Each structure stands twice: as structure tokens, then as C-alpha cells.
Amino acid sequence: MKITVVGAGNVGATCADVLAYREVANEVILLDIKEGVAEGKALDIWQKAPIDLYDTRTVGVTNDYSRTANSDVVVITSGLPRKPGMSRDDLISTNANIVTSVTENVIAHSPNAIIIVVSNPLDVMTYAAHVTSKLPRTKVMGMAGILDTARYRAFLAEALNVSPKDIQAVLMGGHGDTMVPLPRYTTVGGIPVTELIDAARLDAIVERTKTGGGELVKLMGTSAWYAPGSAAAQMVEAIVKDQRRVFPVCISLEGEYGINNCYLGVPVILGKNGIEQIIELQLNDNEKELLEVSRQRVSEVMAVFDNLKK
């Protein structure tokens, strides 16, 4: 089993490290355009194998896609990170060119790979990778919902002073301020969260979740990497091990939730074939309205990408 992570920045390196530590594959290839960066980070990860006791071999390469040939899953993290005051949408022109080029190279050497996109702005970068790859929509997906849901669950665990292990939640929509956390589908040890926290505190947590990425950018001056890298690795593991995990994942919708031609996060079953099934929840009117707002915003950003291609 072979996994490639394109982009050896903080997110990509973290993803490769988690994949190695969890022994998800026999080999993890880390690729970057900067000379020596991927090689150094991959070597560092390999050198801690005797300490953390794993066998996965990590190999770094500089812009040599032939070394990624026949990868089963490819994670794309390439692109510029957000800086303070910069929205995800500000990144679209530069990162769209990067993701398109990366996808072309990936498909040339691994035509049957499942592609996971992490680059921002996430929803439209998933769109770019999908149309470039010409793969079925079930094999090209974006990582956002797992990260956003993790932030939501972490904030809830802190507020309730409980283990985050016991919190389950669903989150839908675009990756950004219009994401749609669903408190109605949030439980703590099987107990509806609405029975454990008042509405005002829950609303505040929902709002903090929506701006969770921006909060970290303000604190650190750049985008997060531990949680995003781990979230991408969790998706890879679900696919490689055919775990059939239920995760919120960005995919091209073709009639689900009454939406067409838009890339949004929805709950799916992840397994060996990629997205095995899209789960359609019975949303109430308010949830439908919020999802429609998210759809409109993502569609606007997709239109920007469409105009770049003209």
C-alpha cells in the first residue's frame, strides 16, 4: 500500500507523520517543490520509527512525480497558507493553478488513485482537482468537515468538561464562515447536547467553530497544521483499511439535498472505493436555509474559478 502526500509544509508533514505512526501504509511519499524540504522531513519521520515503533517507510522527493507512481491514495496539501487578514477566497487564483498542476501530475503517474484535497479555499480546490482529474466524484474529495467537526467537538468538550472521545457531531456546508454545524445531531455519550448546555453557550460555540481557522491564523500568523494534518490522515486510514467510517466530506453534489453542481461538505461513508455512500439527513427548515446560504457562497467562489479558466 502506497500513499503520497503532496506538499511538505506543516500540514503535509503532519499528515505524513500521522500516517507513518499509525502504520496506515507500507510506504509514504512526501513531495515538495522546495529542494531538500521533503527529503529532510521524511528522513526525520523515519528516524523516529525506532522510538515510536512503526515500520512505515517515509521517503521525500523534490518535484519528482515518477516516485509517486501507483499510489493508492494521494493527499494534496500544496498551496499558499493564509496570512492574517487574508480570507480563504483571497487564495483562489494562485492555489487553483497549483492544485490543477499537481492533479495533472498525480493522475499521469497514479491514474487509479483516490485524491483527498486539503488546500484552501477547500471547496473550490476540490472542484479544481475533480474537473482536472476527470475521475468519478467518489474518488476526489475535500477534507474540511472532519477538521471543523473536531474543532466543534473540542470546544464542546472544554465547555462541558468532558472527554472529547464521547462527543459525536455532524457538520455540513462549505469550509468557512458559512459552514453549518448541526446541534440537533450532536450527542455527548449518546445524550443530546441540548440537554447539557444552554442555547446561548451552544450558539457561541457554533460561532467560534465557524471562525476556528481564522482564530488560529490570528494567534500564529499562519494556518493550523496539527489538526488538519491529522484529519487528512484519518480519511486516508478509513479508505486504506476499508473502515467504512461516517465522516463529513466535501464532494460534488448531484441532486443530494436538492443541490446540483456544487461542492459541499456532507456526511458520507468512507471505504476502499473512496466515498461509498452519501448520507442524506432529514434537515429542518432552518438547517435547509443555512445550507442554502452556504451553497450560494461556495457557488460564487466556484464561479471565480470558472472565470479563471476562460
C-alpha atoms as a PDB file:
ATOM      1  CA  MET A   1       0.000   0.000   0.000  1.00  0.00           C
ATOM      2  CA  LYS A   2       1.425   3.348  -1.052  1.00  0.00           C
ATOM      3  CA  ILE A   3       0.350   6.830  -0.021  1.00  0.00           C
ATOM      4  CA  THR A   4       1.608  10.132  -1.435  1.00  0.00           C
ATOM      5  CA  VAL A   5       1.349  13.480   0.325  1.00  0.00           C
ATOM      6  CA  VAL A   6       1.986  16.430  -1.993  1.00  0.00           C
ATOM      7  CA  GLY A   7       3.250  19.456  -0.110  1.00  0.00           C
ATOM      8  CA  ALA A   8       5.781  19.070   2.706  1.00  0.00           C
ATOM      9  CA  GLY A   9       4.700  22.132   4.622  1.00  0.00           C
ATOM     10  CA  ASN A  10       3.307  21.920   8.134  1.00  0.00           C
ATOM     11  CA  VAL A  11       0.041  20.229   7.140  1.00  0.00           C
ATOM     12  CA  GLY A  12       1.594  17.769   4.706  1.00  0.00           C
ATOM     13  CA  ALA A  13       4.418  16.810   7.041  1.00  0.00           C
ATOM     14  CA  THR A  14       1.987  16.320   9.919  1.00  0.00           C
ATOM     15  CA  CYS A  15      -0.227  14.132   7.731  1.00  0.00           C
ATOM     16  CA  ALA A  16       2.772  12.001   6.680  1.00  0.00           C
ATOM     17  CA  ASP A  17       3.899  11.709  10.287  1.00  0.00           C
ATOM     18  CA  VAL A  18       0.482  10.526  11.490  1.00  0.00           C
ATOM     19  CA  LEU A  19       0.194   8.044   8.618  1.00  0.00           C
ATOM     20  CA  ALA A  20       3.611   6.621   9.460  1.00  0.00           C
ATOM     21  CA  TYR A  21       2.999   6.479  13.203  1.00  0.00           C
ATOM     22  CA  ARG A  22      -0.332   4.707  12.703  1.00  0.00           C
ATOM     23  CA  GLU A  23       1.204   2.351  10.120  1.00  0.00           C
ATOM     24  CA  VAL A  24      -1.535   3.058   7.625  1.00  0.00           C
ATOM     25  CA  ALA A  25       0.636   2.084   4.638  1.00  0.00           C
ATOM     26  CA  ASN A  26       3.919   0.366   3.840  1.00  0.00           C
ATOM     27  CA  GLU A  27       5.283   3.481   2.187  1.00  0.00           C
ATOM     28  CA  VAL A  28       4.517   7.203   2.404  1.00  0.00           C
ATOM     29  CA  ILE A  29       5.988   9.503  -0.249  1.00  0.00           C
ATOM     30  CA  LEU A  30       6.306  13.160   0.721  1.00  0.00           C
ATOM     31  CA  LEU A  31       6.755  15.508  -2.261  1.00  0.00           C
ATOM     32  CA  ASP A  32       7.515  19.210  -2.407  1.00  0.00           C
ATOM     33  CA  ILE A  33       8.897  21.706  -4.920  1.00  0.00           C
ATOM     34  CA  LYS A  34      11.476  23.099  -2.487  1.00  0.00           C
ATOM     35  CA  GLU A  35      14.781  21.281  -2.759  1.00  0.00           C
ATOM     36  CA  GLY A  36      15.543  19.131   0.275  1.00  0.00           C
ATOM     37  CA  VAL A  37      12.477  20.012   2.357  1.00  0.00           C
ATOM     38  CA  ALA A  38      10.510  16.811   1.706  1.00  0.00           C
ATOM     39  CA  GLU A  39      13.654  14.708   1.919  1.00  0.00           C
ATOM     40  CA  GLY A  40      14.582  16.215   5.281  1.00  0.00           C
ATOM     41  CA  LYS A  41      11.162  15.907   6.848  1.00  0.00           C
ATOM     42  CA  ALA A  42      10.652  12.361   5.571  1.00  0.00           C
ATOM     43  CA  LEU A  43      14.052  11.383   6.945  1.00  0.00           C
ATOM     44  CA  ASP A  44      13.207  12.938  10.303  1.00  0.00           C
ATOM     45  CA  ILE A  45       9.945  10.965  10.455  1.00  0.00           C
ATOM     46  CA  TRP A  46      11.785   7.740   9.509  1.00  0.00           C
ATOM     47  CA  GLN A  47      14.420   8.314  12.179  1.00  0.00           C
ATOM     48  CA  LYS A  48      11.826   8.326  14.929  1.00  0.00           C
ATOM     49  CA  ALA A  49      10.429   4.958  13.794  1.00  0.00           C
ATOM     50  CA  PRO A  50      12.713   3.108  16.265  1.00  0.00           C
ATOM     51  CA  ILE A  51      11.448   5.402  19.032  1.00  0.00           C
ATOM     52  CA  ASP A  52       7.722   5.226  18.280  1.00  0.00           C
ATOM     53  CA  LEU A  53       7.958   1.652  16.958  1.00  0.00           C
ATOM     54  CA  TYR A  54       6.467   1.707  13.473  1.00  0.00           C
ATOM     55  CA  ASP A  55       7.562   0.170  10.163  1.00  0.00           C
ATOM     56  CA  THR A  56       6.132   2.587   7.592  1.00  0.00           C
ATOM     57  CA  ARG A  57       8.919   3.875   5.350  1.00  0.00           C
ATOM     58  CA  THR A  58       8.772   7.610   4.629  1.00  0.00           C
ATOM     59  CA  VAL A  59      10.571   8.917   1.535  1.00  0.00           C
ATOM     60  CA  GLY A  60      10.923  12.546   0.475  1.00  0.00           C
ATOM     61  CA  VAL A  61      11.349  13.742  -3.116  1.00  0.00           C
ATOM     62  CA  THR A  62      11.684  17.121  -4.814  1.00  0.00           C
ATOM     63  CA  ASN A  63       9.145  17.576  -7.602  1.00  0.00           C
ATOM     64  CA  ASP A  64       9.663  14.032  -8.935  1.00  0.00           C
ATOM     65  CA  TYR A  65       6.207  12.626  -9.529  1.00  0.00           C
ATOM     66  CA  SER A  66       7.603   9.424 -11.033  1.00  0.00           C
ATOM     67  CA  ARG A  67       8.464   8.413  -7.460  1.00  0.00           C
ATOM     68  CA  THR A  68       4.746   8.651  -6.581  1.00  0.00           C
ATOM     69  CA  ALA A  69       3.703   6.186  -9.297  1.00  0.00           C
ATOM     70  CA  ASN A  70       0.922   3.745  -8.454  1.00  0.00           C
ATOM     71  CA  SER A  71      -0.104   5.479  -5.254  1.00  0.00           C
ATOM     72  CA  ASP A  72      -3.360   4.204  -3.803  1.00  0.00           C
ATOM     73  CA  VAL A  73      -4.280   7.493  -2.142  1.00  0.00           C
ATOM     74  CA  VAL A  74      -2.860  10.978  -2.753  1.00  0.00           C
ATOM     75  CA  VAL A  75      -3.312  13.871  -0.323  1.00  0.00           C
ATOM     76  CA  ILE A  76      -2.872  17.337  -1.841  1.00  0.00           C
ATOM     77  CA  THR A  77      -1.851  19.998   0.664  1.00  0.00           C
ATOM     78  CA  SER A  78       0.040  22.260  -1.768  1.00  0.00           C
ATOM     79  CA  GLY A  79      -0.631  25.972  -1.871  1.00  0.00           C
ATOM     80  CA  LEU A  80      -0.071  29.189  -0.016  1.00  0.00           C
ATOM     81  CA  PRO A  81      -1.216  29.294   3.617  1.00  0.00           C
ATOM     82  CA  ARG A  82      -3.460  32.055   4.868  1.00  0.00           C
ATOM     83  CA  LYS A  83      -1.889  35.118   6.408  1.00  0.00           C
ATOM     84  CA  PRO A  84      -3.529  37.470   8.949  1.00  0.00           C
ATOM     85  CA  GLY A  85      -6.351  39.413   7.325  1.00  0.00           C
ATOM     86  CA  MET A  86      -6.485  37.074   4.340  1.00  0.00           C
ATOM     87  CA  SER A  87      -9.645  35.108   3.617  1.00  0.00           C
ATOM     88  CA  ARG A  88      -9.625  31.676   2.017  1.00  0.00           C
ATOM     89  CA  ASP A  89     -11.101  33.268  -1.090  1.00  0.00           C
ATOM     90  CA  ASP A  90      -8.052  35.535  -1.477  1.00  0.00           C
ATOM     91  CA  LEU A  91      -6.029  32.418  -2.202  1.00  0.00           C
ATOM     92  CA  ILE A  92      -8.099  31.121  -5.083  1.00  0.00           C
ATOM     93  CA  SER A  93      -6.146  32.294  -8.142  1.00  0.00           C
ATOM     94  CA  THR A  94      -2.699  31.159  -7.009  1.00  0.00           C
ATOM     95  CA  ASN A  95      -3.790  27.944  -5.340  1.00  0.00           C
ATOM     96  CA  ALA A  96      -6.075  26.922  -8.201  1.00  0.00           C
ATOM     97  CA  ASN A  97      -3.087  26.937 -10.559  1.00  0.00           C
ATOM     98  CA  ILE A  98      -1.043  24.926  -8.057  1.00  0.00           C
ATOM     99  CA  VAL A  99      -3.738  22.322  -7.376  1.00  0.00           C
ATOM    100  CA  THR A 100      -4.502  21.936 -11.087  1.00  0.00           C
ATOM    101  CA  SER A 101      -0.840  21.326 -11.902  1.00  0.00           C
ATOM    102  CA  VAL A 102      -0.410  18.895  -9.001  1.00  0.00           C
ATOM    103  CA  THR A 103      -3.524  16.945 -10.003  1.00  0.00           C
ATOM    104  CA  GLU A 104      -2.316  16.604 -13.591  1.00  0.00           C
ATOM    105  CA  ASN A 105       0.987  15.172 -12.393  1.00  0.00           C
ATOM    106  CA  VAL A 106      -0.703  12.871  -9.893  1.00  0.00           C
ATOM    107  CA  ILE A 107      -3.084  11.401 -12.465  1.00  0.00           C
ATOM    108  CA  ALA A 108      -0.269  10.927 -15.002  1.00  0.00           C
ATOM    109  CA  HIS A 109       1.509   8.587 -12.584  1.00  0.00           C
ATOM    110  CA  SER A 110      -1.348   7.203 -10.463  1.00  0.00           C
ATOM    111  CA  PRO A 111      -4.479   7.149 -12.655  1.00  0.00           C
ATOM    112  CA  ASN A 112      -6.417   4.999 -10.188  1.00  0.00           C
ATOM    113  CA  ALA A 113      -5.585   6.952  -7.037  1.00  0.00           C
ATOM    114  CA  ILE A 114      -8.166   8.353  -4.669  1.00  0.00           C
ATOM    115  CA  ILE A 115      -7.484  12.059  -4.153  1.00  0.00           C
ATOM    116  CA  ILE A 116      -8.006  13.983  -0.926  1.00  0.00           C
ATOM    117  CA  VAL A 117      -7.706  17.766  -1.193  1.00  0.00           C
ATOM    118  CA  VAL A 118      -6.667  19.874   1.796  1.00  0.00           C
ATOM    119  CA  SER A 119      -5.580  23.072   0.005  1.00  0.00           C
ATOM    120  CA  ASN A 120      -7.623  26.236   0.553  1.00  0.00           C
ATOM    121  CA  PRO A 121     -10.105  27.531  -0.350  1.00  0.00           C
ATOM    122  CA  LEU A 122     -11.087  23.924   0.188  1.00  0.00           C
ATOM    123  CA  ASP A 123     -14.392  23.613  -1.641  1.00  0.00           C
ATOM    124  CA  VAL A 124     -13.226  25.213  -4.884  1.00  0.00           C
ATOM    125  CA  MET A 125      -9.842  23.439  -4.753  1.00  0.00           C
ATOM    126  CA  THR A 126     -11.755  20.148  -4.583  1.00  0.00           C
ATOM    127  CA  TYR A 127     -13.673  21.356  -7.640  1.00  0.00           C
ATOM    128  CA  ALA A 128     -10.392  22.148  -9.413  1.00  0.00           C
ATOM    129  CA  ALA A 129      -8.932  18.726  -8.634  1.00  0.00           C
ATOM    130  CA  HIS A 130     -12.105  16.915  -9.664  1.00  0.00           C
ATOM    131  CA  VAL A 131     -12.521  18.562 -13.061  1.00  0.00           C
ATOM    132  CA  THR A 132      -8.786  18.242 -13.760  1.00  0.00           C
ATOM    133  CA  SER A 133      -8.570  14.578 -12.808  1.00  0.00           C
ATOM    134  CA  LYS A 134     -11.731  13.548 -14.666  1.00  0.00           C
ATOM    135  CA  LEU A 135     -12.182  10.865 -12.012  1.00  0.00           C
ATOM    136  CA  PRO A 136     -15.596   9.847 -10.616  1.00  0.00           C
ATOM    137  CA  ARG A 137     -16.764  12.222  -7.890  1.00  0.00           C
ATOM    138  CA  THR A 138     -16.490   9.414  -5.340  1.00  0.00           C
ATOM    139  CA  LYS A 139     -12.702   9.372  -5.795  1.00  0.00           C
ATOM    140  CA  VAL A 140     -11.967  13.099  -5.379  1.00  0.00           C
ATOM    141  CA  MET A 141     -12.939  14.678  -2.090  1.00  0.00           C
ATOM    142  CA  GLY A 142     -12.068  17.544   0.191  1.00  0.00           C
ATOM    143  CA  MET A 143     -11.003  17.403   3.835  1.00  0.00           C
ATOM    144  CA  ALA A 144     -12.784  20.082   5.823  1.00  0.00           C
ATOM    145  CA  GLY A 145     -15.719  18.626   7.697  1.00  0.00           C
ATOM    146  CA  ILE A 146     -13.576  16.366   9.881  1.00  0.00           C
ATOM    147  CA  LEU A 147     -11.436  19.335  10.914  1.00  0.00           C
ATOM    148  CA  ASP A 148     -14.400  21.645  11.500  1.00  0.00           C
ATOM    149  CA  THR A 149     -16.257  18.956  13.426  1.00  0.00           C
ATOM    150  CA  ALA A 150     -13.158  18.278  15.524  1.00  0.00           C
ATOM    151  CA  ARG A 151     -12.965  21.951  16.471  1.00  0.00           C
ATOM    152  CA  TYR A 152     -16.653  21.958  17.352  1.00  0.00           C
ATOM    153  CA  ARG A 153     -16.245  18.819  19.490  1.00  0.00           C
ATOM    154  CA  ALA A 154     -13.114  20.173  21.178  1.00  0.00           C
ATOM    155  CA  PHE A 155     -14.881  23.409  22.140  1.00  0.00           C
ATOM    156  CA  LEU A 156     -17.846  21.436  23.475  1.00  0.00           C
ATOM    157  CA  ALA A 157     -15.598  19.118  25.488  1.00  0.00           C
ATOM    158  CA  GLU A 158     -13.942  22.146  27.070  1.00  0.00           C
ATOM    159  CA  ALA A 159     -17.246  23.848  27.857  1.00  0.00           C
ATOM    160  CA  LEU A 160     -18.797  20.697  29.326  1.00  0.00           C
ATOM    161  CA  ASN A 161     -15.567  19.485  30.974  1.00  0.00           C
ATOM    162  CA  VAL A 162     -15.945  16.030  29.438  1.00  0.00           C
ATOM    163  CA  SER A 163     -13.783  13.812  27.244  1.00  0.00           C
ATOM    164  CA  PRO A 164     -13.840  14.719  23.548  1.00  0.00           C
ATOM    165  CA  LYS A 165     -13.961  10.969  22.881  1.00  0.00           C
ATOM    166  CA  ASP A 166     -17.607  10.911  23.944  1.00  0.00           C
ATOM    167  CA  ILE A 167     -18.779  13.731  21.673  1.00  0.00           C
ATOM    168  CA  GLN A 168     -20.219  12.933  18.253  1.00  0.00           C
ATOM    169  CA  ALA A 169     -21.361  15.615  15.842  1.00  0.00           C
ATOM    170  CA  VAL A 170     -22.278  16.358  12.240  1.00  0.00           C
ATOM    171  CA  LEU A 171     -21.340  19.462  10.308  1.00  0.00           C
ATOM    172  CA  MET A 172     -22.247  20.347   6.727  1.00  0.00           C
ATOM    173  CA  GLY A 173     -21.740  23.005   4.080  1.00  0.00           C
ATOM    174  CA  GLY A 174     -18.718  24.965   2.951  1.00  0.00           C
ATOM    175  CA  HIS A 175     -15.401  25.232   4.734  1.00  0.00           C
ATOM    176  CA  GLY A 176     -15.571  28.716   6.178  1.00  0.00           C
ATOM    177  CA  ASP A 177     -17.896  31.177   7.815  1.00  0.00           C
ATOM    178  CA  THR A 178     -20.991  29.640   6.191  1.00  0.00           C
ATOM    179  CA  MET A 179     -20.417  26.095   7.469  1.00  0.00           C
ATOM    180  CA  VAL A 180     -23.472  24.522   9.095  1.00  0.00           C
ATOM    181  CA  PRO A 181     -22.890  22.852  12.479  1.00  0.00           C
ATOM    182  CA  LEU A 182     -25.921  20.757  13.440  1.00  0.00           C
ATOM    183  CA  PRO A 183     -26.550  20.804  17.220  1.00  0.00           C
ATOM    184  CA  ARG A 184     -29.626  18.637  16.635  1.00  0.00           C
ATOM    185  CA  TYR A 185     -27.293  15.826  15.590  1.00  0.00           C
ATOM    186  CA  THR A 186     -24.729  16.433  18.340  1.00  0.00           C
ATOM    187  CA  THR A 187     -24.515  13.995  21.264  1.00  0.00           C
ATOM    188  CA  VAL A 188     -22.364  13.502  24.352  1.00  0.00           C
ATOM    189  CA  GLY A 189     -22.190   9.838  25.293  1.00  0.00           C
ATOM    190  CA  GLY A 190     -25.446   9.386  23.402  1.00  0.00           C
ATOM    191  CA  ILE A 191     -27.137  12.286  25.223  1.00  0.00           C
ATOM    192  CA  PRO A 192     -28.386  15.175  23.039  1.00  0.00           C
ATOM    193  CA  VAL A 193     -26.080  18.123  23.641  1.00  0.00           C
ATOM    194  CA  THR A 194     -29.071  20.428  24.032  1.00  0.00           C
ATOM    195  CA  GLU A 195     -29.825  18.694  27.345  1.00  0.00           C
ATOM    196  CA  LEU A 196     -26.369  19.500  28.711  1.00  0.00           C
ATOM    197  CA  ILE A 197     -25.738  23.095  27.686  1.00  0.00           C
ATOM    198  CA  ASP A 198     -27.898  26.207  27.364  1.00  0.00           C
ATOM    199  CA  ALA A 199     -28.740  27.660  23.976  1.00  0.00           C
ATOM    200  CA  ALA A 200     -26.640  30.806  24.355  1.00  0.00           C
ATOM    201  CA  ARG A 201     -23.432  28.907  25.168  1.00  0.00           C
ATOM    202  CA  LEU A 202     -24.089  26.424  22.383  1.00  0.00           C
ATOM    203  CA  ASP A 203     -24.643  29.240  19.875  1.00  0.00           C
ATOM    204  CA  ALA A 204     -21.362  30.831  20.965  1.00  0.00           C
ATOM    205  CA  ILE A 205     -19.534  27.548  20.388  1.00  0.00           C
ATOM    206  CA  VAL A 206     -21.112  27.198  16.957  1.00  0.00           C
ATOM    207  CA  GLU A 207     -19.967  30.708  16.038  1.00  0.00           C
ATOM    208  CA  ARG A 208     -16.451  30.024  17.332  1.00  0.00           C
ATOM    209  CA  THR A 209     -16.341  26.878  15.228  1.00  0.00           C
ATOM    210  CA  LYS A 210     -17.223  28.837  12.089  1.00  0.00           C
ATOM    211  CA  THR A 211     -14.228  31.121  12.599  1.00  0.00           C
ATOM    212  CA  GLY A 212     -11.973  28.466  14.121  1.00  0.00           C
ATOM    213  CA  GLY A 213      -9.397  28.635  11.343  1.00  0.00           C
ATOM    214  CA  GLY A 214      -9.229  32.408  11.476  1.00  0.00           C
ATOM    215  CA  GLU A 215      -8.732  32.323  15.256  1.00  0.00           C
ATOM    216  CA  LEU A 216      -5.592  30.239  14.796  1.00  0.00           C
ATOM    217  CA  VAL A 217      -4.287  32.446  11.979  1.00  0.00           C
ATOM    218  CA  LYS A 218      -4.569  35.471  14.274  1.00  0.00           C
ATOM    219  CA  LEU A 219      -2.722  33.659  17.050  1.00  0.00           C
ATOM    220  CA  MET A 220       0.101  32.151  14.986  1.00  0.00           C
ATOM    221  CA  GLY A 221       0.298  34.263  11.852  1.00  0.00           C
ATOM    222  CA  THR A 222      -0.369  31.231   9.655  1.00  0.00           C
ATOM    223  CA  SER A 223      -2.844  28.400   9.183  1.00  0.00           C
ATOM    224  CA  ALA A 224      -3.198  25.461  11.564  1.00  0.00           C
ATOM    225  CA  TRP A 225      -1.448  22.179  10.824  1.00  0.00           C
ATOM    226  CA  TYR A 226      -1.708  19.565  13.615  1.00  0.00           C
ATOM    227  CA  ALA A 227      -5.476  19.129  13.393  1.00  0.00           C
ATOM    228  CA  PRO A 228      -5.743  19.484   9.579  1.00  0.00           C
ATOM    229  CA  GLY A 229      -2.889  17.034   9.005  1.00  0.00           C
ATOM    230  CA  SER A 230      -4.384  14.517  11.427  1.00  0.00           C
ATOM    231  CA  ALA A 231      -7.838  14.909   9.864  1.00  0.00           C
ATOM    232  CA  ALA A 232      -6.495  14.148   6.387  1.00  0.00           C
ATOM    233  CA  ALA A 233      -4.638  11.126   7.752  1.00  0.00           C
ATOM    234  CA  GLN A 234      -7.856   9.860   9.353  1.00  0.00           C
ATOM    235  CA  MET A 235      -9.556   9.962   5.948  1.00  0.00           C
ATOM    236  CA  VAL A 236      -6.670   8.067   4.353  1.00  0.00           C
ATOM    237  CA  GLU A 237      -6.837   5.403   7.053  1.00  0.00           C
ATOM    238  CA  ALA A 238     -10.581   4.930   6.587  1.00  0.00           C
ATOM    239  CA  ILE A 239     -10.028   4.353   2.862  1.00  0.00           C
ATOM    240  CA  VAL A 240      -6.933   2.149   3.062  1.00  0.00           C
ATOM    241  CA  LYS A 241      -8.370  -0.054   5.811  1.00  0.00           C
ATOM    242  CA  ASP A 242     -11.892  -0.059   4.334  1.00  0.00           C
ATOM    243  CA  GLN A 243     -13.239   1.070   7.702  1.00  0.00           C
ATOM    244  CA  ARG A 244     -16.500   2.492   6.297  1.00  0.00           C
ATOM    245  CA  ARG A 245     -16.278   5.418   8.701  1.00  0.00           C
ATOM    246  CA  VAL A 246     -19.002   8.069   8.646  1.00  0.00           C
ATOM    247  CA  PHE A 247     -17.374  11.461   8.112  1.00  0.00           C
ATOM    248  CA  PRO A 248     -18.411  14.859   6.753  1.00  0.00           C
ATOM    249  CA  VAL A 249     -16.536  15.218   3.448  1.00  0.00           C
ATOM    250  CA  CYS A 250     -16.591  17.734   0.595  1.00  0.00           C
ATOM    251  CA  ILE A 251     -17.956  16.195  -2.599  1.00  0.00           C
ATOM    252  CA  SER A 252     -19.699  17.304  -5.785  1.00  0.00           C
ATOM    253  CA  LEU A 253     -23.423  17.090  -5.108  1.00  0.00           C
ATOM    254  CA  GLU A 254     -25.604  15.751  -7.901  1.00  0.00           C
ATOM    255  CA  GLY A 255     -29.125  16.115  -6.568  1.00  0.00           C
ATOM    256  CA  GLU A 256     -28.489  15.232  -2.934  1.00  0.00           C
ATOM    257  CA  TYR A 257     -30.170  17.708  -0.598  1.00  0.00           C
ATOM    258  CA  GLY A 258     -31.757  19.211  -3.714  1.00  0.00           C
ATOM    259  CA  ILE A 259     -28.380  20.650  -4.770  1.00  0.00           C
ATOM    260  CA  ASN A 260     -26.579  20.224  -8.073  1.00  0.00           C
ATOM    261  CA  ASN A 261     -23.154  21.277  -9.362  1.00  0.00           C
ATOM    262  CA  CYS A 262     -21.797  22.452  -6.030  1.00  0.00           C
ATOM    263  CA  TYR A 263     -19.019  21.113  -3.812  1.00  0.00           C
ATOM    264  CA  LEU A 264     -20.178  20.968  -0.208  1.00  0.00           C
ATOM    265  CA  GLY A 265     -19.439  19.013   2.926  1.00  0.00           C
ATOM    266  CA  VAL A 266     -21.993  16.289   3.666  1.00  0.00           C
ATOM    267  CA  PRO A 267     -21.874  13.080   5.736  1.00  0.00           C
ATOM    268  CA  VAL A 268     -20.588  10.102   3.768  1.00  0.00           C
ATOM    269  CA  ILE A 269     -19.330   6.565   4.299  1.00  0.00           C
ATOM    270  CA  LEU A 270     -15.602   6.293   3.511  1.00  0.00           C
ATOM    271  CA  GLY A 271     -14.192   2.940   2.439  1.00  0.00           C
ATOM    272  CA  LYS A 272     -11.855   1.224  -0.005  1.00  0.00           C
ATOM    273  CA  ASN A 273     -13.537   2.773  -3.046  1.00  0.00           C
ATOM    274  CA  GLY A 274     -13.484   6.266  -1.635  1.00  0.00           C
ATOM    275  CA  ILE A 275     -16.924   7.667  -0.963  1.00  0.00           C
ATOM    276  CA  GLU A 276     -19.072   4.558  -0.729  1.00  0.00           C
ATOM    277  CA  GLN A 277     -22.325   6.363   0.050  1.00  0.00           C
ATOM    278  CA  ILE A 278     -23.636   9.888   0.577  1.00  0.00           C
ATOM    279  CA  ILE A 279     -25.915  10.086   3.606  1.00  0.00           C
ATOM    280  CA  GLU A 280     -28.921  12.397   3.242  1.00  0.00           C
ATOM    281  CA  LEU A 281     -30.151  13.736   6.570  1.00  0.00           C
ATOM    282  CA  GLN A 282     -33.670  14.996   7.090  1.00  0.00           C
ATOM    283  CA  LEU A 283     -32.935  18.672   7.659  1.00  0.00           C
ATOM    284  CA  ASN A 284     -35.453  21.055   9.178  1.00  0.00           C
ATOM    285  CA  ASP A 285     -36.341  24.365   7.543  1.00  0.00           C
ATOM    286  CA  ASN A 286     -33.728  26.381   9.438  1.00  0.00           C
ATOM    287  CA  GLU A 287     -30.968  23.904   8.600  1.00  0.00           C
ATOM    288  CA  LYS A 288     -32.019  23.933   4.946  1.00  0.00           C
ATOM    289  CA  GLU A 289     -31.820  27.729   4.905  1.00  0.00           C
ATOM    290  CA  LEU A 290     -28.326  27.696   6.375  1.00  0.00           C
ATOM    291  CA  LEU A 291     -27.202  25.076   3.872  1.00  0.00           C
ATOM    292  CA  GLU A 292     -28.604  27.179   1.038  1.00  0.00           C
ATOM    293  CA  VAL A 293     -26.622  30.201   2.239  1.00  0.00           C
ATOM    294  CA  SER A 294     -23.509  28.036   2.255  1.00  0.00           C
ATOM    295  CA  ARG A 295     -24.307  26.718  -1.232  1.00  0.00           C
ATOM    296  CA  GLN A 296     -24.666  30.235  -2.592  1.00  0.00           C
ATOM    297  CA  ARG A 297     -21.335  31.311  -1.137  1.00  0.00           C
ATOM    298  CA  VAL A 298     -19.463  28.268  -2.450  1.00  0.00           C
ATOM    299  CA  SER A 299     -21.095  28.671  -5.872  1.00  0.00           C
ATOM    300  CA  GLU A 300     -19.834  32.255  -6.009  1.00  0.00           C
ATOM    301  CA  VAL A 301     -16.266  31.113  -5.368  1.00  0.00           C
ATOM    302  CA  MET A 302     -16.627  28.307  -7.908  1.00  0.00           C
ATOM    303  CA  ALA A 303     -17.671  30.946 -10.446  1.00  0.00           C
ATOM    304  CA  VAL A 304     -14.400  32.776  -9.789  1.00  0.00           C
ATOM    305  CA  PHE A 305     -12.526  29.595 -10.676  1.00  0.00           C
ATOM    306  CA  ASP A 306     -14.637  29.131 -13.808  1.00  0.00           C
ATOM    307  CA  ASN A 307     -13.740  32.656 -14.926  1.00  0.00           C
ATOM    308  CA  LEU A 308     -10.041  31.925 -14.405  1.00  0.00           C
ATOM    309  CA  LYS A 309     -10.276  29.088 -16.921  1.00  0.00           C
ATOM    310  CA  LYS A 310     -11.679  31.331 -19.662  1.00  0.00           C
END
